[in-house]
Amino acid sequence: MSYSRPRDIARKLASERTRRGVSRSDSYRRETFSLPREAARAKAREMFSRYPKAAYMTAIESWRELPGGAIEFTMRRLPTAD
Protein backbone atom coordinates (compact mmCIF):
# COMPACT_ATOMS: atom_id res chain seq x y z
CA MET A 1 0.00 0.00 0.00
CA SER A 2 1.34 3.41 -0.95
CA TYR A 3 1.07 6.40 1.36
CA SER A 4 1.61 9.20 -1.09
CA ARG A 5 -1.02 11.64 0.16
CA PRO A 6 -0.61 13.52 3.45
CA ARG A 7 -4.05 12.31 4.51
CA ASP A 8 -2.93 8.68 4.09
CA ILE A 9 0.26 9.25 6.07
CA ALA A 10 -1.64 10.97 8.91
CA ARG A 11 -4.20 8.17 9.03
CA LYS A 12 -1.46 5.52 9.19
CA LEU A 13 0.40 7.32 11.99
CA ALA A 14 -2.82 7.82 13.96
CA SER A 15 -3.71 4.15 13.69
CA GLU A 16 -0.23 3.14 14.88
CA ARG A 17 -0.50 5.46 17.89
CA THR A 18 -3.94 4.07 18.74
CA ARG A 19 -2.67 0.50 18.41
CA ARG A 20 0.16 1.28 20.86
CA GLY A 21 -2.27 2.89 23.30
CA VAL A 22 -0.95 6.44 22.98
CA SER A 23 -3.58 9.14 23.02
CA ARG A 24 -3.40 12.01 20.55
CA SER A 25 -3.37 14.70 23.22
CA ASP A 26 -0.44 13.16 25.08
CA SER A 27 2.61 15.04 23.84
CA TYR A 28 4.95 14.08 26.69
CA ARG A 29 8.34 12.48 26.13
CA ARG A 30 9.10 9.55 28.36
CA GLU A 31 12.39 7.86 29.19
CA THR A 32 12.69 4.76 31.34
CA PHE A 33 15.84 3.95 33.29
CA SER A 34 16.92 0.93 35.35
CA LEU A 35 19.82 1.87 37.58
CA PRO A 36 21.29 1.12 41.00
CA ARG A 37 19.69 3.28 43.70
CA GLU A 38 22.36 6.01 43.92
CA ALA A 39 22.78 6.19 40.14
CA ALA A 40 18.99 6.48 39.78
CA ARG A 41 18.95 9.42 42.18
CA ALA A 42 21.77 11.10 40.27
CA LYS A 43 20.02 10.54 36.93
CA ALA A 44 16.74 11.98 38.23
CA ARG A 45 18.58 15.06 39.56
CA GLU A 46 20.33 15.45 36.20
CA MET A 47 17.02 15.28 34.32
CA PHE A 48 15.40 17.86 36.62
CA SER A 49 18.43 20.09 36.16
CA ARG A 50 18.47 19.72 32.37
CA TYR A 51 14.68 20.00 31.99
CA PRO A 52 13.37 22.24 34.83
CA LYS A 53 9.96 21.31 36.14
CA ALA A 54 8.57 24.82 35.65
CA ALA A 55 9.43 24.92 31.95
CA TYR A 56 9.12 21.27 30.85
CA MET A 57 6.63 19.94 33.42
CA THR A 58 9.22 17.27 34.24
CA ALA A 59 8.08 14.56 36.63
CA ILE A 60 8.87 11.04 37.71
CA GLU A 61 5.83 9.29 36.28
CA SER A 62 6.38 5.92 37.94
CA TRP A 63 9.04 3.97 39.76
CA ARG A 64 9.60 0.56 41.32
CA GLU A 65 12.33 -1.35 43.08
CA LEU A 66 13.63 -4.32 41.12
CA PRO A 67 15.06 -7.49 42.63
CA GLY A 68 18.63 -6.78 43.66
CA GLY A 69 17.88 -3.21 44.74
CA ALA A 70 17.93 -1.51 41.33
CA ILE A 71 15.34 1.19 40.67
CA GLU A 72 13.34 1.38 37.46
CA PHE A 73 11.72 4.73 36.84
CA THR A 74 10.09 6.67 34.03
CA MET A 75 10.71 10.39 33.59
CA ARG A 76 8.06 12.41 31.77
CA ARG A 77 8.57 15.86 30.25
CA LEU A 78 7.36 18.11 27.48
CA PRO A 79 9.59 18.07 24.38
CA THR A 80 10.13 21.86 24.41
CA ALA A 81 9.72 24.73 26.80
CA ASP A 82 7.32 27.49 25.77
C-alpha atoms as a PDB file:
ATOM      1  CA  MET A   1       0.000   0.000   0.000  1.00  0.00           C
ATOM      2  CA  SER A   2       1.336   3.407  -0.948  1.00  0.00           C
ATOM      3  CA  TYR A   3       1.070   6.399   1.364  1.00  0.00           C
ATOM      4  CA  SER A   4       1.610   9.203  -1.095  1.00  0.00           C
ATOM      5  CA  ARG A   5      -1.017  11.639   0.159  1.00  0.00           C
ATOM      6  CA  PRO A   6      -0.610  13.521   3.449  1.00  0.00           C
ATOM      7  CA  ARG A   7      -4.047  12.312   4.509  1.00  0.00           C
ATOM      8  CA  ASP A   8      -2.933   8.680   4.093  1.00  0.00           C
ATOM      9  CA  ILE A   9       0.263   9.246   6.073  1.00  0.00           C
ATOM     10  CA  ALA A  10      -1.636  10.967   8.912  1.00  0.00           C
ATOM     11  CA  ARG A  11      -4.198   8.168   9.031  1.00  0.00           C
ATOM     12  CA  LYS A  12      -1.455   5.515   9.188  1.00  0.00           C
ATOM     13  CA  LEU A  13       0.403   7.320  11.995  1.00  0.00           C
ATOM     14  CA  ALA A  14      -2.820   7.819  13.956  1.00  0.00           C
ATOM     15  CA  SER A  15      -3.708   4.146  13.688  1.00  0.00           C
ATOM     16  CA  GLU A  16      -0.233   3.136  14.885  1.00  0.00           C
ATOM     17  CA  ARG A  17      -0.502   5.460  17.885  1.00  0.00           C
ATOM     18  CA  THR A  18      -3.943   4.067  18.736  1.00  0.00           C
ATOM     19  CA  ARG A  19      -2.670   0.503  18.407  1.00  0.00           C
ATOM     20  CA  ARG A  20       0.160   1.278  20.856  1.00  0.00           C
ATOM     21  CA  GLY A  21      -2.274   2.885  23.304  1.00  0.00           C
ATOM     22  CA  VAL A  22      -0.947   6.435  22.975  1.00  0.00           C
ATOM     23  CA  SER A  23      -3.579   9.142  23.018  1.00  0.00           C
ATOM     24  CA  ARG A  24      -3.398  12.011  20.553  1.00  0.00           C
ATOM     25  CA  SER A  25      -3.370  14.702  23.220  1.00  0.00           C
ATOM     26  CA  ASP A  26      -0.437  13.161  25.084  1.00  0.00           C
ATOM     27  CA  SER A  27       2.613  15.039  23.836  1.00  0.00           C
ATOM     28  CA  TYR A  28       4.953  14.077  26.691  1.00  0.00           C
ATOM     29  CA  ARG A  29       8.336  12.479  26.127  1.00  0.00           C
ATOM     30  CA  ARG A  30       9.104   9.548  28.362  1.00  0.00           C
ATOM     31  CA  GLU A  31      12.387   7.864  29.193  1.00  0.00           C
ATOM     32  CA  THR A  32      12.686   4.760  31.340  1.00  0.00           C
ATOM     33  CA  PHE A  33      15.839   3.948  33.288  1.00  0.00           C
ATOM     34  CA  SER A  34      16.919   0.933  35.350  1.00  0.00           C
ATOM     35  CA  LEU A  35      19.824   1.872  37.580  1.00  0.00           C
ATOM     36  CA  PRO A  36      21.289   1.120  41.001  1.00  0.00           C
ATOM     37  CA  ARG A  37      19.686   3.283  43.696  1.00  0.00           C
ATOM     38  CA  GLU A  38      22.361   6.010  43.924  1.00  0.00           C
ATOM     39  CA  ALA A  39      22.782   6.190  40.141  1.00  0.00           C
ATOM     40  CA  ALA A  40      18.988   6.477  39.782  1.00  0.00           C
ATOM     41  CA  ARG A  41      18.947   9.425  42.185  1.00  0.00           C
ATOM     42  CA  ALA A  42      21.768  11.099  40.274  1.00  0.00           C
ATOM     43  CA  LYS A  43      20.017  10.535  36.931  1.00  0.00           C
ATOM     44  CA  ALA A  44      16.738  11.981  38.235  1.00  0.00           C
ATOM     45  CA  ARG A  45      18.576  15.062  39.556  1.00  0.00           C
ATOM     46  CA  GLU A  46      20.330  15.447  36.202  1.00  0.00           C
ATOM     47  CA  MET A  47      17.019  15.276  34.320  1.00  0.00           C
ATOM     48  CA  PHE A  48      15.399  17.860  36.619  1.00  0.00           C
ATOM     49  CA  SER A  49      18.431  20.094  36.163  1.00  0.00           C
ATOM     50  CA  ARG A  50      18.474  19.718  32.371  1.00  0.00           C
ATOM     51  CA  TYR A  51      14.676  20.001  31.989  1.00  0.00           C
ATOM     52  CA  PRO A  52      13.372  22.241  34.830  1.00  0.00           C
ATOM     53  CA  LYS A  53       9.957  21.306  36.143  1.00  0.00           C
ATOM     54  CA  ALA A  54       8.567  24.815  35.655  1.00  0.00           C
ATOM     55  CA  ALA A  55       9.432  24.921  31.955  1.00  0.00           C
ATOM     56  CA  TYR A  56       9.117  21.272  30.849  1.00  0.00           C
ATOM     57  CA  MET A  57       6.633  19.938  33.424  1.00  0.00           C
ATOM     58  CA  THR A  58       9.219  17.272  34.239  1.00  0.00           C
ATOM     59  CA  ALA A  59       8.076  14.556  36.628  1.00  0.00           C
ATOM     60  CA  ILE A  60       8.866  11.038  37.712  1.00  0.00           C
ATOM     61  CA  GLU A  61       5.835   9.289  36.280  1.00  0.00           C
ATOM     62  CA  SER A  62       6.382   5.918  37.936  1.00  0.00           C
ATOM     63  CA  TRP A  63       9.039   3.971  39.759  1.00  0.00           C
ATOM     64  CA  ARG A  64       9.597   0.562  41.318  1.00  0.00           C
ATOM     65  CA  GLU A  65      12.327  -1.353  43.083  1.00  0.00           C
ATOM     66  CA  LEU A  66      13.625  -4.325  41.124  1.00  0.00           C
ATOM     67  CA  PRO A  67      15.064  -7.492  42.631  1.00  0.00           C
ATOM     68  CA  GLY A  68      18.633  -6.779  43.659  1.00  0.00           C
ATOM     69  CA  GLY A  69      17.882  -3.209  44.736  1.00  0.00           C
ATOM     70  CA  ALA A  70      17.933  -1.505  41.327  1.00  0.00           C
ATOM     71  CA  ILE A  71      15.343   1.195  40.669  1.00  0.00           C
ATOM     72  CA  GLU A  72      13.343   1.377  37.456  1.00  0.00           C
ATOM     73  CA  PHE A  73      11.719   4.734  36.837  1.00  0.00           C
ATOM     74  CA  THR A  74      10.090   6.673  34.034  1.00  0.00           C
ATOM     75  CA  MET A  75      10.710  10.388  33.594  1.00  0.00           C
ATOM     76  CA  ARG A  76       8.056  12.412  31.774  1.00  0.00           C
ATOM     77  CA  ARG A  77       8.566  15.864  30.254  1.00  0.00           C
ATOM     78  CA  LEU A  78       7.360  18.112  27.481  1.00  0.00           C
ATOM     79  CA  PRO A  79       9.587  18.074  24.375  1.00  0.00           C
ATOM     80  CA  THR A  80      10.131  21.857  24.410  1.00  0.00           C
ATOM     81  CA  ALA A  81       9.717  24.733  26.799  1.00  0.00           C
ATOM     82  CA  ASP A  82       7.325  27.485  25.771  1.00  0.00           C
END
